[in-house]
Amino acid sequence: MIVGDPPRDEQPSGMLPPDHPFLVSTARLRPQPAAVAILQLDDGRYLLQHRDAIPQIFFPDHWGLFGGAMEEGETEIDGLLRELHEELALVIPASLPRYFSRIDFDFTYCGLGKISRAFYEVTLPTKQLSELRLGEGRAIGAFSAQALLAMPRITPYDAFALWQHINRSRIG
């Protein structure tokens, strides 16, 4: 049996409708170096951002890590701290984020060269969750590792970094 596109009225759970911004957008996208946080609560859950459903961003209406593009002249840590403040009203010391991993993307085909996404671990006390204020995106979610890995719409690069983080004791 060959599985193909299901009829529109029979979309399996988690599948995007054919008119979803992720599938139909023609907006120009400009990849930039980024620093993001693998935010883990002290109870083990991970914090994710439900991204806006607008066509001008990478992976609209997906869940992803907090953080983002660095501004000209910023270090990864400076950019990460700025983004966490903008997106969550979270202020943490520069010594708190711990480097975890990096994914390099090769955009040479369109003249942009190689661009990195750096991942930093940040552990927060669960009680701090009530102090966070969403400044960008549609929602904040706190997910167990098992629930997170089963989610159908997570930005793929963040999903891989989260999988690595969850399984770090098994790797190597």
Protein backbone atom coordinates (compact mmCIF):
# COMPACT_ATOMS: atom_id res chain seq x y z
CA MET A 1 0.00 0.00 0.00
CA ILE A 2 1.31 3.46 -0.91
CA VAL A 3 0.48 6.28 1.46
CA GLY A 4 -0.04 9.68 -0.11
CA ASP A 5 -1.81 12.93 0.59
CA PRO A 6 -5.08 12.24 2.42
CA PRO A 7 -8.27 13.91 1.25
CA ARG A 8 -8.66 17.38 2.78
CA ASP A 9 -11.50 16.27 5.08
CA GLU A 10 -9.39 13.35 6.40
CA GLN A 11 -6.28 15.16 7.65
CA PRO A 12 -4.54 12.97 10.26
CA SER A 13 -4.03 14.52 13.68
CA GLY A 14 -1.13 16.98 13.66
CA MET A 15 -1.08 17.49 9.89
CA LEU A 16 -1.21 21.07 8.67
CA PRO A 17 -4.11 22.15 6.49
CA PRO A 18 -3.09 22.81 2.89
CA ASP A 19 -3.55 26.60 3.31
CA HIS A 20 -1.35 26.87 6.44
CA PRO A 21 1.24 29.72 6.33
CA PHE A 22 4.08 27.20 6.72
CA LEU A 23 3.02 25.50 3.48
CA VAL A 24 1.93 28.42 1.29
CA SER A 25 4.07 31.38 2.33
CA THR A 26 6.21 33.04 -0.30
CA ALA A 27 7.56 35.72 2.09
CA ARG A 28 11.31 36.34 1.89
CA LEU A 29 13.22 34.85 4.80
CA ARG A 30 16.64 36.00 5.96
CA PRO A 31 18.54 33.44 8.03
CA GLN A 32 20.82 34.95 10.68
CA PRO A 33 23.12 33.58 13.38
CA ALA A 34 21.03 32.79 16.46
CA ALA A 35 21.37 31.82 20.10
CA VAL A 36 18.54 29.97 21.83
CA ALA A 37 17.90 28.54 25.27
CA ILE A 38 17.00 25.01 26.20
CA LEU A 39 14.97 26.21 29.17
CA GLN A 40 14.39 23.40 31.63
CA LEU A 41 12.46 23.77 34.84
CA ASP A 42 13.85 22.15 37.96
CA ASP A 43 10.95 19.64 37.78
CA GLY A 44 12.34 18.39 34.43
CA ARG A 45 9.84 20.03 32.06
CA TYR A 46 11.01 22.07 29.07
CA LEU A 47 9.68 25.53 28.19
CA LEU A 48 8.77 26.18 24.58
CA GLN A 49 7.28 29.08 22.65
CA HIS A 50 4.30 28.57 20.35
CA ARG A 51 5.42 30.70 17.42
CA ASP A 52 3.10 33.18 15.74
CA ALA A 53 1.22 31.96 12.65
CA ILE A 54 2.64 34.65 10.37
CA PRO A 55 4.29 33.88 7.03
CA GLN A 56 7.32 36.18 7.56
CA ILE A 57 9.03 33.88 10.07
CA PHE A 58 10.65 30.48 9.89
CA PHE A 59 8.26 27.70 10.93
CA PRO A 60 5.13 29.73 11.74
CA ASP A 61 2.66 28.14 14.17
CA HIS A 62 5.27 25.65 15.41
CA TRP A 63 6.69 25.20 18.88
CA GLY A 64 10.31 26.23 19.33
CA LEU A 65 12.93 27.29 21.81
CA PHE A 66 13.11 30.83 23.16
CA GLY A 67 15.88 33.02 21.76
CA GLY A 68 16.64 34.17 18.27
CA ALA A 69 18.76 36.15 15.88
CA MET A 70 21.72 38.07 17.21
CA GLU A 71 22.06 41.74 16.42
CA GLU A 72 25.16 43.23 14.81
CA GLY A 73 28.09 43.11 17.24
CA GLU A 74 26.36 40.98 19.88
CA THR A 75 27.97 37.92 21.41
CA GLU A 76 25.86 34.78 21.59
CA ILE A 77 25.31 35.29 25.32
CA ASP A 78 24.38 38.97 24.89
CA GLY A 79 21.92 38.08 22.13
CA LEU A 80 20.45 35.24 24.16
CA LEU A 81 19.97 37.41 27.25
CA ARG A 82 18.35 40.17 25.16
CA GLU A 83 16.01 37.70 23.45
CA LEU A 84 14.97 36.05 26.74
CA HIS A 85 14.16 39.47 28.15
CA GLU A 86 12.17 40.47 25.05
CA GLU A 87 10.31 37.18 24.74
CA LEU A 88 9.73 36.27 28.41
CA ALA A 89 10.63 39.33 30.52
CA LEU A 90 13.28 37.00 31.93
CA VAL A 91 16.42 38.55 33.36
CA ILE A 92 19.21 36.13 34.23
CA PRO A 93 22.92 36.59 34.88
CA ALA A 94 25.28 36.03 31.95
CA SER A 95 26.90 33.21 33.95
CA LEU A 96 23.69 31.10 34.03
CA PRO A 97 23.46 29.87 30.39
CA ARG A 98 25.75 26.90 29.71
CA TYR A 99 26.82 26.13 26.15
CA PHE A 100 25.24 22.89 24.95
CA SER A 101 25.54 22.49 21.19
CA ARG A 102 25.49 24.19 17.82
CA ILE A 103 23.97 23.44 14.44
CA ASP A 104 25.56 24.95 11.35
CA PHE A 105 23.47 25.56 8.25
CA ASP A 106 25.08 25.98 4.85
CA PHE A 107 23.31 28.73 2.87
CA THR A 108 26.11 29.01 0.32
CA TYR A 109 23.62 28.09 -2.41
CA CYS A 110 21.96 31.52 -1.97
CA GLY A 111 25.08 33.54 -1.19
CA LEU A 112 24.71 33.69 2.59
CA GLY A 113 27.47 31.27 3.58
CA LYS A 114 27.31 29.27 6.80
CA ILE A 115 25.04 30.35 9.63
CA SER A 116 25.00 28.86 13.13
CA ARG A 117 22.31 28.30 15.74
CA ALA A 118 23.85 27.98 19.22
CA PHE A 119 21.99 26.17 22.00
CA TYR A 120 22.49 27.02 25.67
CA GLU A 121 21.11 25.21 28.71
CA VAL A 122 19.30 27.28 31.31
CA THR A 123 17.66 25.73 34.37
CA LEU A 124 14.92 27.72 36.07
CA PRO A 125 13.07 27.11 39.33
CA THR A 126 9.50 26.00 38.65
CA LYS A 127 8.19 28.80 40.87
CA GLN A 128 9.64 31.32 38.37
CA LEU A 129 7.20 30.13 35.69
CA SER A 130 4.45 32.38 37.09
CA GLU A 131 6.72 35.43 36.70
CA LEU A 132 7.30 34.97 32.97
CA ARG A 133 5.45 37.28 30.56
CA LEU A 134 5.09 36.35 26.92
CA GLY A 135 6.42 39.14 24.70
CA GLU A 136 6.51 37.25 21.39
CA GLY A 137 4.59 34.26 20.10
CA ARG A 138 1.21 32.77 20.89
CA ALA A 139 1.88 30.85 24.10
CA ILE A 140 4.39 29.46 26.58
CA GLY A 141 4.27 25.72 27.12
CA ALA A 142 5.90 23.53 29.76
CA PHE A 143 6.27 19.95 28.50
CA SER A 144 7.68 16.71 29.81
CA ALA A 145 10.41 15.18 27.67
CA GLN A 146 8.08 12.41 26.51
CA ALA A 147 5.28 14.80 25.53
CA LEU A 148 7.71 17.14 23.81
CA LEU A 149 9.24 14.39 21.65
CA ALA A 150 5.76 13.26 20.56
CA MET A 151 4.62 16.73 19.45
CA PRO A 152 3.91 17.00 15.72
CA ARG A 153 4.96 20.63 15.13
CA ILE A 154 8.30 21.60 16.64
CA THR A 155 10.87 23.50 14.61
CA PRO A 156 13.10 20.68 13.31
CA TYR A 157 16.44 22.10 14.42
CA ASP A 158 15.10 22.75 17.93
CA ALA A 159 13.54 19.28 18.00
CA PHE A 160 16.94 17.74 17.25
CA ALA A 161 18.72 19.81 19.91
CA LEU A 162 16.02 18.90 22.44
CA TRP A 163 16.31 15.22 21.51
CA GLN A 164 20.07 15.48 22.08
CA HIS A 165 19.52 17.18 25.44
CA ILE A 166 16.96 14.64 26.60
CA ASN A 167 19.18 11.74 25.49
CA ARG A 168 22.59 13.20 26.40
CA SER A 169 23.32 10.41 28.88
CA ARG A 170 22.91 7.84 26.06
CA ILE A 171 25.13 9.57 23.53
CA GLY A 172 28.86 8.98 23.34
